């Protein structure tokens, strides 16, 4: 085998070993095996797992901000940190009703201001969303319901749920900036997340 041939074989082996190590979690920041995830075998299971992860991320981020910084805003035109969190709660409350679930909505303080009240409202909202996602089978997630007017005349439940996920992730990104501007590392980043 020529020198070039041996070089190609060596490069392929190195790439293969590196990708294998990465796939086994060794390529993650901090090393070690990847977190254990439940085996999910359905669309409904995926939705439930994604919502649970989102709930944990949001509640941890809200709880990480010191109470005296809930009035912080990056510029005068922006919402305060507490208002960002409550925006998620309020949008969730508006859109959850369109899913037509059976779980009764909790009584959430939509005007919460203090850290304790805002985090409690967020926790209630996200837990309610978690309960709703557990109601629907794969087939029910694809059923058409009447969404808010800005989404047309019909949408699937899964589209509405992932609309909420996308909106919440957008606000989470803003919250992460607020946290960092106040010297707080977002908990998801502190764990070695991205």
N, C-alpha and C. Protein backbone atom coordinates (compact mmCIF):
# COMPACT_ATOMS: atom_id res chain seq x y z
N UNK A 1 0.86 -1.17 0.00
CA UNK A 1 0.00 0.00 0.00
C UNK A 1 0.90 1.23 0.00
N UNK A 2 0.53 2.21 -0.81
CA UNK A 2 1.34 3.42 -0.91
C UNK A 2 1.19 4.27 0.33
N UNK A 3 2.08 5.26 0.48
CA UNK A 3 2.01 6.19 1.62
C UNK A 3 0.70 6.94 1.64
N UNK A 4 0.23 7.32 0.44
CA UNK A 4 -1.05 8.04 0.36
C UNK A 4 -2.19 7.13 0.80
N UNK A 5 -2.17 5.87 0.39
CA UNK A 5 -3.21 4.91 0.77
C UNK A 5 -3.26 4.69 2.26
N UNK A 6 -2.05 4.55 2.89
CA UNK A 6 -2.00 4.37 4.35
C UNK A 6 -2.53 5.61 5.06
N UNK A 7 -2.23 6.78 4.52
CA UNK A 7 -2.72 8.04 5.12
C UNK A 7 -4.24 8.13 5.08
N UNK A 8 -4.82 7.71 3.96
CA UNK A 8 -6.28 7.74 3.83
C UNK A 8 -6.91 6.76 4.82
N UNK A 9 -6.36 5.55 4.90
CA UNK A 9 -6.88 4.55 5.84
C UNK A 9 -6.77 5.07 7.28
N UNK A 10 -5.63 5.65 7.63
CA UNK A 10 -5.45 6.19 8.98
C UNK A 10 -6.45 7.30 9.26
N UNK A 11 -6.68 8.18 8.29
CA UNK A 11 -7.63 9.28 8.48
C UNK A 11 -9.04 8.74 8.69
N UNK A 12 -9.42 7.72 7.92
CA UNK A 12 -10.75 7.13 8.06
C UNK A 12 -10.91 6.50 9.44
N UNK A 13 -9.86 5.78 9.90
CA UNK A 13 -9.92 5.16 11.22
C UNK A 13 -10.04 6.21 12.33
N UNK A 14 -9.26 7.28 12.23
CA UNK A 14 -9.31 8.34 13.24
C UNK A 14 -10.70 8.97 13.26
N UNK A 15 -11.25 9.28 12.08
CA UNK A 15 -12.59 9.88 12.01
C UNK A 15 -13.63 8.92 12.58
N UNK A 16 -13.50 7.65 12.26
CA UNK A 16 -14.45 6.66 12.77
C UNK A 16 -14.39 6.54 14.28
N UNK A 17 -13.17 6.51 14.83
CA UNK A 17 -13.04 6.44 16.29
C UNK A 17 -13.55 7.70 16.95
N UNK A 18 -13.28 8.85 16.36
CA UNK A 18 -13.74 10.12 16.94
C UNK A 18 -15.25 10.20 16.93
N UNK A 19 -15.87 9.80 15.81
CA UNK A 19 -17.33 9.86 15.76
C UNK A 19 -17.96 8.84 16.69
N UNK A 20 -17.32 7.68 16.84
CA UNK A 20 -17.82 6.67 17.76
C UNK A 20 -17.74 7.18 19.20
N UNK A 21 -16.62 7.81 19.56
CA UNK A 21 -16.48 8.36 20.91
C UNK A 21 -17.50 9.46 21.14
N UNK A 22 -17.72 10.30 20.13
CA UNK A 22 -18.69 11.38 20.28
C UNK A 22 -20.08 10.81 20.46
N UNK A 23 -20.42 9.79 19.67
CA UNK A 23 -21.74 9.19 19.75
C UNK A 23 -21.97 8.56 21.12
N UNK A 24 -20.92 8.11 21.77
CA UNK A 24 -21.03 7.51 23.09
C UNK A 24 -20.96 8.55 24.19
N UNK A 25 -20.92 9.83 23.84
CA UNK A 25 -20.93 10.88 24.85
C UNK A 25 -19.56 11.37 25.24
N UNK A 26 -18.52 10.76 24.69
CA UNK A 26 -17.18 11.18 25.07
C UNK A 26 -16.81 12.52 24.47
N UNK A 27 -17.50 12.92 23.38
CA UNK A 27 -17.21 14.20 22.74
C UNK A 27 -17.94 15.36 23.40
N UNK A 28 -18.79 15.09 24.38
CA UNK A 28 -19.50 16.16 25.07
C UNK A 28 -18.56 16.94 25.96
N UNK A 29 -18.88 18.22 26.14
CA UNK A 29 -18.11 19.04 27.05
C UNK A 29 -18.19 18.40 28.43
N UNK A 30 -17.09 18.18 29.07
CA UNK A 30 -17.08 17.56 30.38
C UNK A 30 -16.94 16.05 30.30
N UNK A 31 -17.09 15.46 29.12
CA UNK A 31 -16.91 14.02 28.95
C UNK A 31 -17.97 13.23 29.66
N UNK A 32 -17.72 11.95 29.82
CA UNK A 32 -18.67 11.09 30.49
C UNK A 32 -19.78 10.65 29.56
N UNK A 33 -20.55 9.69 30.02
CA UNK A 33 -21.63 9.17 29.19
C UNK A 33 -22.76 10.19 29.08
N UNK A 34 -23.54 10.09 28.01
CA UNK A 34 -24.67 11.02 27.86
C UNK A 34 -25.72 10.73 28.92
N UNK A 35 -26.57 11.71 29.21
CA UNK A 35 -27.61 11.45 30.20
C UNK A 35 -28.52 10.33 29.72
N UNK A 36 -29.05 9.58 30.66
CA UNK A 36 -29.94 8.49 30.32
C UNK A 36 -31.29 9.07 29.95
N UNK A 37 -31.77 8.72 28.80
CA UNK A 37 -33.07 9.20 28.34
C UNK A 37 -34.01 8.02 28.23
N UNK A 38 -35.30 8.25 28.51
CA UNK A 38 -36.24 7.14 28.36
C UNK A 38 -36.36 6.76 26.89
N UNK A 39 -36.69 5.51 26.65
CA UNK A 39 -36.92 5.07 25.29
C UNK A 39 -38.29 5.57 24.87
N UNK A 40 -38.31 6.34 23.81
CA UNK A 40 -39.57 6.92 23.34
C UNK A 40 -39.92 6.24 22.02
N UNK A 41 -41.14 5.76 21.94
CA UNK A 41 -41.52 5.02 20.74
C UNK A 41 -42.73 5.61 20.03
N UNK A 42 -43.10 6.84 20.39
CA UNK A 42 -44.27 7.43 19.76
C UNK A 42 -44.10 8.94 19.62
N UNK A 43 -44.89 9.51 18.75
CA UNK A 43 -44.93 10.96 18.61
C UNK A 43 -45.37 11.60 19.92
N UNK A 44 -46.38 11.05 20.56
CA UNK A 44 -46.87 11.57 21.84
C UNK A 44 -45.75 11.54 22.89
N UNK A 45 -44.97 10.47 22.90
CA UNK A 45 -43.85 10.38 23.84
C UNK A 45 -42.80 11.43 23.58
N UNK A 46 -42.54 11.71 22.29
CA UNK A 46 -41.59 12.78 21.94
C UNK A 46 -42.08 14.13 22.44
N UNK A 47 -43.35 14.41 22.22
CA UNK A 47 -43.94 15.69 22.63
C UNK A 47 -43.85 15.83 24.15
N UNK A 48 -44.21 14.77 24.87
CA UNK A 48 -44.17 14.81 26.33
C UNK A 48 -42.74 15.03 26.84
N UNK A 49 -41.79 14.32 26.26
CA UNK A 49 -40.39 14.46 26.68
C UNK A 49 -39.87 15.87 26.40
N UNK A 50 -40.21 16.42 25.23
CA UNK A 50 -39.76 17.77 24.89
C UNK A 50 -40.37 18.81 25.83
N UNK A 51 -41.66 18.66 26.15
CA UNK A 51 -42.30 19.63 27.04
C UNK A 51 -41.71 19.54 28.45
N UNK A 52 -41.46 18.33 28.92
CA UNK A 52 -40.88 18.16 30.26
C UNK A 52 -39.49 18.81 30.32
N UNK A 53 -38.68 18.61 29.29
CA UNK A 53 -37.35 19.23 29.26
C UNK A 53 -37.47 20.75 29.22
N UNK A 54 -38.43 21.27 28.46
CA UNK A 54 -38.64 22.71 28.39
C UNK A 54 -39.08 23.26 29.74
N UNK A 55 -39.99 22.55 30.42
CA UNK A 55 -40.44 22.97 31.75
C UNK A 55 -39.26 23.08 32.71
N UNK A 56 -38.43 22.06 32.73
CA UNK A 56 -37.28 22.06 33.63
C UNK A 56 -36.32 23.20 33.31
N UNK A 57 -36.07 23.44 32.02
CA UNK A 57 -35.16 24.51 31.60
C UNK A 57 -35.69 25.88 32.00
N UNK A 58 -36.97 26.12 31.76
CA UNK A 58 -37.55 27.43 32.04
C UNK A 58 -37.63 27.71 33.54
N UNK A 59 -38.08 26.74 34.31
CA UNK A 59 -38.21 26.95 35.75
C UNK A 59 -36.83 27.17 36.37
N UNK A 60 -35.84 26.41 35.94
CA UNK A 60 -34.48 26.57 36.47
C UNK A 60 -33.93 27.96 36.12
N UNK A 61 -34.18 28.42 34.89
CA UNK A 61 -33.68 29.74 34.47
C UNK A 61 -34.36 30.85 35.28
N UNK A 62 -35.66 30.76 35.45
CA UNK A 62 -36.38 31.78 36.22
C UNK A 62 -35.91 31.79 37.66
N UNK A 63 -35.73 30.61 38.22
CA UNK A 63 -35.31 30.51 39.62
C UNK A 63 -33.87 30.97 39.83
N UNK A 64 -33.06 30.94 38.78
CA UNK A 64 -31.64 31.32 38.92
C UNK A 64 -31.44 32.83 39.10
N UNK A 65 -32.39 33.64 38.61
CA UNK A 65 -32.23 35.09 38.72
C UNK A 65 -32.51 35.52 40.17
N UNK A 66 -31.61 36.30 40.75
CA UNK A 66 -31.87 36.80 42.12
C UNK A 66 -33.16 37.61 42.16
N UNK A 67 -33.86 37.55 43.28
CA UNK A 67 -35.15 38.22 43.43
C UNK A 67 -35.05 39.72 43.17
N UNK A 68 -33.93 40.33 43.56
CA UNK A 68 -33.80 41.78 43.38
C UNK A 68 -33.50 42.17 41.93
N UNK A 69 -33.38 41.19 41.04
CA UNK A 69 -33.11 41.46 39.62
C UNK A 69 -34.31 41.14 38.73
N UNK A 70 -35.46 40.81 39.31
CA UNK A 70 -36.63 40.51 38.49
C UNK A 70 -37.16 41.75 37.77
N UNK A 71 -36.77 42.94 38.23
CA UNK A 71 -37.15 44.18 37.56
C UNK A 71 -36.10 44.62 36.54
N UNK A 72 -35.04 43.84 36.37
CA UNK A 72 -33.97 44.21 35.44
C UNK A 72 -34.46 44.12 34.01
N UNK A 73 -34.05 45.11 33.20
CA UNK A 73 -34.27 45.07 31.75
C UNK A 73 -33.00 45.54 31.08
N UNK A 74 -32.69 44.96 29.94
CA UNK A 74 -31.42 45.26 29.27
C UNK A 74 -31.40 46.66 28.68
N UNK A 75 -32.53 47.14 28.22
CA UNK A 75 -32.66 48.53 27.73
C UNK A 75 -34.04 49.01 28.17
N UNK A 76 -34.26 50.32 28.23
CA UNK A 76 -35.56 50.82 28.68
C UNK A 76 -36.75 50.30 27.87
N UNK A 77 -36.56 49.99 26.60
CA UNK A 77 -37.67 49.55 25.75
C UNK A 77 -38.05 48.08 25.96
N UNK A 78 -37.22 47.33 26.67
CA UNK A 78 -37.45 45.89 26.83
C UNK A 78 -38.36 45.59 28.02
N UNK A 79 -38.86 44.34 28.05
CA UNK A 79 -39.58 43.86 29.23
C UNK A 79 -38.56 43.60 30.34
N UNK A 80 -39.02 43.65 31.58
CA UNK A 80 -38.16 43.23 32.69
C UNK A 80 -38.03 41.71 32.63
N UNK A 81 -37.09 41.18 33.41
CA UNK A 81 -36.92 39.73 33.46
C UNK A 81 -38.24 39.08 33.89
N UNK A 82 -38.85 39.59 34.95
CA UNK A 82 -40.11 39.04 35.43
C UNK A 82 -41.21 39.12 34.38
N UNK A 83 -41.24 40.21 33.63
CA UNK A 83 -42.24 40.35 32.56
C UNK A 83 -41.99 39.35 31.43
N UNK A 84 -40.73 39.05 31.15
CA UNK A 84 -40.42 38.04 30.13
C UNK A 84 -41.01 36.69 30.55
N UNK A 85 -40.79 36.33 31.81
CA UNK A 85 -41.31 35.05 32.31
C UNK A 85 -42.83 35.05 32.25
N UNK A 86 -43.44 36.14 32.71
CA UNK A 86 -44.91 36.20 32.71
C UNK A 86 -45.47 36.24 31.30
N UNK A 87 -44.72 36.74 30.34
CA UNK A 87 -45.18 36.70 28.94
C UNK A 87 -45.37 35.25 28.50
N UNK A 88 -44.45 34.38 28.88
CA UNK A 88 -44.59 32.95 28.56
C UNK A 88 -45.86 32.40 29.22
N UNK A 89 -46.05 32.72 30.49
CA UNK A 89 -47.22 32.23 31.23
C UNK A 89 -48.51 32.70 30.55
N UNK A 90 -48.55 33.96 30.16
CA UNK A 90 -49.76 34.53 29.57
C UNK A 90 -50.04 33.94 28.18
N UNK A 91 -49.01 33.79 27.36
CA UNK A 91 -49.21 33.19 26.03
C UNK A 91 -49.62 31.73 26.18
N UNK A 92 -48.98 31.01 27.09
CA UNK A 92 -49.39 29.62 27.33
C UNK A 92 -50.88 29.57 27.69
N UNK A 93 -51.29 30.43 28.63
CA UNK A 93 -52.69 30.43 29.06
C UNK A 93 -53.64 30.67 27.91
N UNK A 94 -53.25 31.55 27.00
CA UNK A 94 -54.09 31.87 25.84
C UNK A 94 -54.18 30.68 24.88
N UNK A 95 -53.05 30.05 24.59
CA UNK A 95 -53.03 28.99 23.59
C UNK A 95 -53.41 27.61 24.11
N UNK A 96 -53.21 27.34 25.40
CA UNK A 96 -53.58 26.03 25.92
C UNK A 96 -55.06 25.72 25.68
N UNK A 97 -55.91 26.73 25.78
CA UNK A 97 -57.33 26.51 25.58
C UNK A 97 -57.67 26.00 24.19
N UNK A 98 -56.85 26.34 23.21
CA UNK A 98 -57.14 25.92 21.83
C UNK A 98 -56.87 24.42 21.63
N UNK A 99 -56.15 23.80 22.55
CA UNK A 99 -55.86 22.37 22.42
C UNK A 99 -57.08 21.51 22.71
N UNK A 100 -58.05 22.07 23.41
CA UNK A 100 -59.29 21.36 23.75
C UNK A 100 -59.02 20.12 24.60
N UNK A 101 -58.16 20.29 25.61
CA UNK A 101 -57.89 19.19 26.53
C UNK A 101 -58.94 19.09 27.62
N UNK A 102 -58.87 18.03 28.39
CA UNK A 102 -59.83 17.80 29.48
C UNK A 102 -59.32 18.28 30.83
N UNK A 103 -58.01 18.39 30.99
CA UNK A 103 -57.44 18.81 32.27
C UNK A 103 -57.86 20.25 32.56
N UNK A 104 -58.47 20.49 33.71
CA UNK A 104 -58.89 21.86 34.02
C UNK A 104 -57.68 22.77 34.24
N UNK A 105 -57.82 23.99 33.75
CA UNK A 105 -56.74 24.98 33.90
C UNK A 105 -56.61 25.38 35.36
N UNK A 106 -55.38 25.49 35.86
CA UNK A 106 -55.19 25.95 37.24
C UNK A 106 -55.46 27.45 37.34
N UNK A 107 -55.72 27.90 38.54
CA UNK A 107 -55.89 29.34 38.79
C UNK A 107 -54.49 29.94 38.94
N UNK A 108 -54.03 30.60 37.90
CA UNK A 108 -52.67 31.17 37.89
C UNK A 108 -52.77 32.67 38.05
N UNK A 109 -51.91 33.23 38.88
CA UNK A 109 -51.85 34.67 39.07
C UNK A 109 -51.17 35.28 37.84
N UNK A 110 -51.96 35.77 36.90
CA UNK A 110 -51.42 36.32 35.65
C UNK A 110 -50.80 37.70 35.83
N UNK A 111 -50.91 38.26 37.01
CA UNK A 111 -50.34 39.59 37.28
C UNK A 111 -49.17 39.49 38.26
N UNK A 112 -48.59 38.31 38.42
CA UNK A 112 -47.49 38.11 39.36
C UNK A 112 -46.35 39.07 39.09
N UNK A 113 -45.71 39.55 40.16
CA UNK A 113 -44.59 40.50 40.03
C UNK A 113 -43.34 40.03 40.80
N UNK A 114 -43.53 39.52 42.02
CA UNK A 114 -42.37 39.11 42.83
C UNK A 114 -41.79 37.82 42.28
N UNK A 115 -40.53 37.57 42.60
CA UNK A 115 -39.88 36.34 42.11
C UNK A 115 -40.68 35.11 42.54
N UNK A 116 -41.07 35.04 43.80
CA UNK A 116 -41.79 33.86 44.29
C UNK A 116 -43.07 33.64 43.51
N UNK A 117 -43.82 34.73 43.27
CA UNK A 117 -45.09 34.61 42.56
C UNK A 117 -44.89 34.30 41.08
N UNK A 118 -43.89 34.92 40.46
CA UNK A 118 -43.62 34.69 39.03
C UNK A 118 -43.17 33.25 38.80
N UNK A 119 -42.25 32.76 39.63
CA UNK A 119 -41.78 31.38 39.47
C UNK A 119 -42.92 30.40 39.73
N UNK A 120 -43.77 30.69 40.71
CA UNK A 120 -44.93 29.82 40.98
C UNK A 120 -45.87 29.81 39.78
N UNK A 121 -46.11 30.97 39.17
CA UNK A 121 -46.99 31.05 38.00
C UNK A 121 -46.39 30.27 36.83
N UNK A 122 -45.10 30.42 36.62
CA UNK A 122 -44.43 29.69 35.54
C UNK A 122 -44.52 28.19 35.77
N UNK A 123 -44.24 27.78 37.00
CA UNK A 123 -44.29 26.35 37.31
C UNK A 123 -45.69 25.79 37.05
N UNK A 124 -46.73 26.51 37.52
CA UNK A 124 -48.11 26.05 37.29
C UNK A 124 -48.41 25.97 35.80
N UNK A 125 -48.02 26.97 35.05
CA UNK A 125 -48.28 27.01 33.62
C UNK A 125 -47.61 25.86 32.90
N UNK A 126 -46.33 25.65 33.20
CA UNK A 126 -45.60 24.59 32.51
C UNK A 126 -46.09 23.20 32.93
N UNK A 127 -46.47 23.04 34.19
CA UNK A 127 -47.01 21.76 34.64
C UNK A 127 -48.38 21.48 34.00
N UNK A 128 -49.17 22.54 33.82
CA UNK A 128 -50.45 22.39 33.14
C UNK A 128 -50.20 21.95 31.68
N UNK A 129 -49.23 22.56 31.02
CA UNK A 129 -48.88 22.15 29.66
C UNK A 129 -48.43 20.70 29.62
N UNK A 130 -47.69 20.30 30.63
CA UNK A 130 -47.23 18.91 30.70
C UNK A 130 -48.43 17.96 30.84
N UNK A 131 -49.38 18.33 31.69
CA UNK A 131 -50.58 17.49 31.86
C UNK A 131 -51.37 17.41 30.55
N UNK A 132 -51.48 18.54 29.86
CA UNK A 132 -52.20 18.54 28.58
C UNK A 132 -51.52 17.64 27.55
N UNK A 133 -50.20 17.72 27.45
CA UNK A 133 -49.51 16.91 26.43
C UNK A 133 -49.69 15.42 26.70
N UNK A 134 -49.88 15.05 27.95
CA UNK A 134 -50.06 13.64 28.30
C UNK A 134 -51.45 13.12 27.93
N UNK A 135 -52.37 14.02 27.62
CA UNK A 135 -53.73 13.62 27.27
C UNK A 135 -53.84 13.04 25.87
N UNK A 136 -52.95 13.45 24.98
CA UNK A 136 -53.16 13.20 23.56
C UNK A 136 -52.32 12.06 23.02
N UNK A 137 -52.99 11.17 22.27
CA UNK A 137 -52.31 10.08 21.56
C UNK A 137 -51.68 10.65 20.29
N UNK A 138 -50.94 9.82 19.59
CA UNK A 138 -50.37 10.24 18.31
C UNK A 138 -51.46 10.76 17.38
N UNK A 139 -52.57 10.01 17.27
CA UNK A 139 -53.65 10.40 16.37
C UNK A 139 -54.29 11.72 16.82
N UNK A 140 -54.47 11.89 18.12
CA UNK A 140 -55.10 13.12 18.63
C UNK A 140 -54.20 14.34 18.42
N UNK A 141 -52.89 14.13 18.44
CA UNK A 141 -51.98 15.25 18.20
C UNK A 141 -52.09 15.78 16.78
N UNK A 142 -52.49 14.93 15.86
CA UNK A 142 -52.61 15.36 14.47
C UNK A 142 -54.02 15.85 14.12
N UNK A 143 -54.97 15.75 15.05
CA UNK A 143 -56.32 16.26 14.81
C UNK A 143 -56.30 17.77 14.64
N UNK A 144 -57.21 18.26 13.82
CA UNK A 144 -57.30 19.69 13.55
C UNK A 144 -58.20 20.35 14.59
N UNK A 145 -57.76 21.49 15.10
CA UNK A 145 -58.53 22.29 16.04
C UNK A 145 -58.53 23.74 15.55
N UNK A 146 -59.32 24.57 16.19
CA UNK A 146 -59.39 25.97 15.80
C UNK A 146 -58.33 26.75 16.57
N UNK A 147 -57.34 27.27 15.86
CA UNK A 147 -56.25 28.01 16.52
C UNK A 147 -56.62 29.49 16.64
N UNK A 148 -55.73 30.28 17.25
CA UNK A 148 -55.93 31.73 17.22
C UNK A 148 -55.92 32.20 15.76
N UNK A 149 -56.58 33.31 15.47
CA UNK A 149 -56.69 33.78 14.07
C UNK A 149 -55.36 33.93 13.34
N UNK A 150 -54.29 34.28 14.04
CA UNK A 150 -53.01 34.48 13.34
C UNK A 150 -52.41 33.18 12.81
N UNK A 151 -53.01 32.03 13.18
CA UNK A 151 -52.51 30.74 12.69
C UNK A 151 -53.43 30.12 11.64
N UNK A 152 -54.39 30.88 11.15
CA UNK A 152 -55.30 30.35 10.14
C UNK A 152 -56.60 29.88 10.75
N UNK A 153 -57.33 29.07 9.98
CA UNK A 153 -58.64 28.61 10.46
C UNK A 153 -58.58 27.24 11.12
N UNK A 154 -57.54 26.46 10.83
CA UNK A 154 -57.36 25.16 11.45
C UNK A 154 -55.87 24.86 11.59
N UNK A 155 -55.53 24.13 12.63
CA UNK A 155 -54.15 23.68 12.84
C UNK A 155 -54.18 22.39 13.64
N UNK A 156 -53.15 21.60 13.50
CA UNK A 156 -53.07 20.38 14.31
C UNK A 156 -52.66 20.76 15.73
N UNK A 157 -53.00 19.90 16.67
CA UNK A 157 -52.58 20.14 18.05
C UNK A 157 -51.05 20.21 18.14
N UNK A 158 -50.38 19.34 17.37
CA UNK A 158 -48.92 19.32 17.46
C UNK A 158 -48.33 20.63 16.97
N UNK A 159 -48.95 21.23 15.96
CA UNK A 159 -48.45 22.53 15.50
C UNK A 159 -48.60 23.58 16.59
N UNK A 160 -49.73 23.56 17.30
CA UNK A 160 -49.94 24.52 18.38
C UNK A 160 -48.94 24.30 19.52
N UNK A 161 -48.72 23.05 19.87
CA UNK A 161 -47.78 22.74 20.96
C UNK A 161 -46.38 23.20 20.59
N UNK A 162 -45.94 22.88 19.36
CA UNK A 162 -44.59 23.28 18.99
C UNK A 162 -44.50 24.78 18.68
N UNK A 163 -45.63 25.42 18.42
CA UNK A 163 -45.64 26.88 18.38
C UNK A 163 -45.33 27.45 19.76
N UNK A 164 -45.92 26.83 20.78
CA UNK A 164 -45.63 27.25 22.16
C UNK A 164 -44.18 26.95 22.53
N UNK A 165 -43.69 25.80 22.12
CA UNK A 165 -42.29 25.46 22.40
C UNK A 165 -41.36 26.49 21.77
N UNK A 166 -41.61 26.82 20.50
CA UNK A 166 -40.76 27.80 19.81
C UNK A 166 -40.82 29.16 20.48
N UNK A 167 -42.01 29.59 20.84
CA UNK A 167 -42.17 30.89 21.51
C UNK A 167 -41.43 30.88 22.85
N UNK A 168 -41.59 29.81 23.60
CA UNK A 168 -40.95 29.73 24.92
C UNK A 168 -39.44 29.70 24.78
N UNK A 169 -38.92 29.00 23.79
CA UNK A 169 -37.47 28.98 23.56
C UNK A 169 -36.96 30.37 23.18
N UNK A 170 -37.75 31.10 22.42
CA UNK A 170 -37.37 32.47 22.06
C UNK A 170 -37.22 33.32 23.31
N UNK A 171 -38.19 33.24 24.21
CA UNK A 171 -38.13 34.01 25.45
C UNK A 171 -36.99 33.49 26.34
N UNK A 172 -36.79 32.17 26.36
CA UNK A 172 -35.66 31.62 27.13
C UNK A 172 -34.34 32.24 26.66
N UNK A 173 -34.17 32.39 25.36
CA UNK A 173 -32.94 33.01 24.84
C UNK A 173 -32.75 34.41 25.39
N UNK A 174 -33.83 35.16 25.48
CA UNK A 174 -33.75 36.51 26.05
C UNK A 174 -33.45 36.45 27.55
N UNK A 175 -34.08 35.50 28.23
CA UNK A 175 -33.82 35.34 29.67
C UNK A 175 -32.36 34.99 29.92
N UNK A 176 -31.79 34.14 29.07
CA UNK A 176 -30.39 33.75 29.23
C UNK A 176 -29.47 34.97 29.13
N UNK A 177 -29.78 35.88 28.22
CA UNK A 177 -28.99 37.11 28.10
C UNK A 177 -29.13 37.95 29.36
N UNK A 178 -30.35 38.10 29.86
CA UNK A 178 -30.58 38.88 31.09
C UNK A 178 -29.78 38.26 32.25
N UNK A 179 -29.82 36.93 32.35
CA UNK A 179 -29.08 36.26 33.41
C UNK A 179 -27.59 36.58 33.30
N UNK A 180 -27.03 36.43 32.12
CA UNK A 180 -25.60 36.66 31.93
C UNK A 180 -25.22 38.12 32.17
N UNK A 181 -26.08 39.05 31.79
CA UNK A 181 -25.81 40.47 32.05
C UNK A 181 -25.80 40.78 33.54
N UNK A 182 -26.34 39.88 34.33
CA UNK A 182 -26.35 40.04 35.79
C UNK A 182 -25.40 39.07 36.47
N UNK A 183 -24.46 38.52 35.71
CA UNK A 183 -23.43 37.65 36.28
C UNK A 183 -23.90 36.27 36.65
N UNK A 184 -25.04 35.83 36.12
CA UNK A 184 -25.58 34.51 36.44
C UNK A 184 -25.46 33.62 35.20
N UNK A 185 -24.86 32.46 35.36
CA UNK A 185 -24.78 31.50 34.26
C UNK A 185 -26.09 30.74 34.20
N UNK A 186 -26.76 30.72 33.04
CA UNK A 186 -27.99 29.94 32.95
C UNK A 186 -27.74 28.49 33.35
N UNK A 187 -28.62 27.91 34.16
CA UNK A 187 -28.39 26.54 34.65
C UNK A 187 -28.12 25.53 33.54
N UNK A 188 -28.80 25.65 32.39
CA UNK A 188 -28.55 24.71 31.30
C UNK A 188 -27.12 24.82 30.80
N UNK A 189 -26.56 26.02 30.79
CA UNK A 189 -25.17 26.22 30.36
C UNK A 189 -24.20 25.74 31.43
N UNK A 190 -24.56 25.90 32.67
CA UNK A 190 -23.69 25.47 33.77
C UNK A 190 -23.54 23.96 33.78
N UNK A 191 -24.55 23.24 33.27
CA UNK A 191 -24.49 21.77 33.22
C UNK A 191 -23.68 21.27 32.04
N UNK A 192 -23.19 22.21 31.22
CA UNK A 192 -22.42 21.78 30.06
C UNK A 192 -23.26 21.77 28.80
N UNK A 193 -24.49 22.31 28.89
CA UNK A 193 -25.32 22.41 27.70
C UNK A 193 -24.82 23.52 26.81
N UNK A 194 -25.48 23.73 25.71
CA UNK A 194 -25.04 24.75 24.78
C UNK A 194 -25.62 26.10 25.12
